[in-house]
């Protein structure tokens, strides 16, 4: 048993360390997809769909780490990286602030959800968005019809303003929207979005750093959505043990995803009645 435990520990450190190296190898994810395709097999598609929406860097090893971490954690659905960007990393500012294009890209995400739900009725659908991908997840939810809700949404350091109106996105989720935040993510979601702007065009510290606040004038029903379907999950010291150091890419570490995020998709709480 000690040998097995040591091997498990070594594998964990290998995965966490290798995932942390994505800071230097991230762009290679567009050309080397490795076993990622196996996560979208017909067997997995029949069990549900989890779409991972990258940040403004486009498809990379960051989002691949999220996919592998979800699989490590036992998420049985198809796990697919949906690159909503132009795929060209040097255009990252365009990906961040091209509002009209981003609305069209969000519609493409919504259309993909609708097509899956048409072909595989009753299966779960989840969205996982990192950085600007978190904003895209919210925009896609706003474009879904009321009868086509997804099951759960994970926002990982979302580059969207704290005042973004969540009433429609929350109504398009059966279980929860988890907003995973870090006040230490001050370079990208603090100074970065303060000066360059958020996806929704606000010059502010992002909701991925400070959380969301409720817009004024909510009805009691809308306030109830915020109470019951939005879960703010700030960075804590216990996350350090899972290789999340509180920065902008700690959310994507494979071990953190396995140990903290996959359980959220495996055991969503009972949905409230609409």
Foldseek 3Di string as FASTA:
>chain_A
DVVVVVVVVVVLCVQLVVLVCQVPFWLCCVVDVDCLVVLQDPQQLLQEEEEEEEALQWHTSLSSLLQLLLVLLPNSHRYYYDTLYPSHRVCSLCVFAVQVSLLVSLCVVLVVLVVSCVVRPPHAYEYEYAACGLVSLQSNQLPHDLVRAHAEYEYALYQAAQAPANLSVLSRYQFAYEQEAFLVQCPCQNCNCLPSNGSVRHNHRHCRHVNHDYDPDDDPVSVVSCVGHYHYHYDDPVLVVQSQPRYRSSCRRSSSSSPPPSVCVVDTDGGDDD
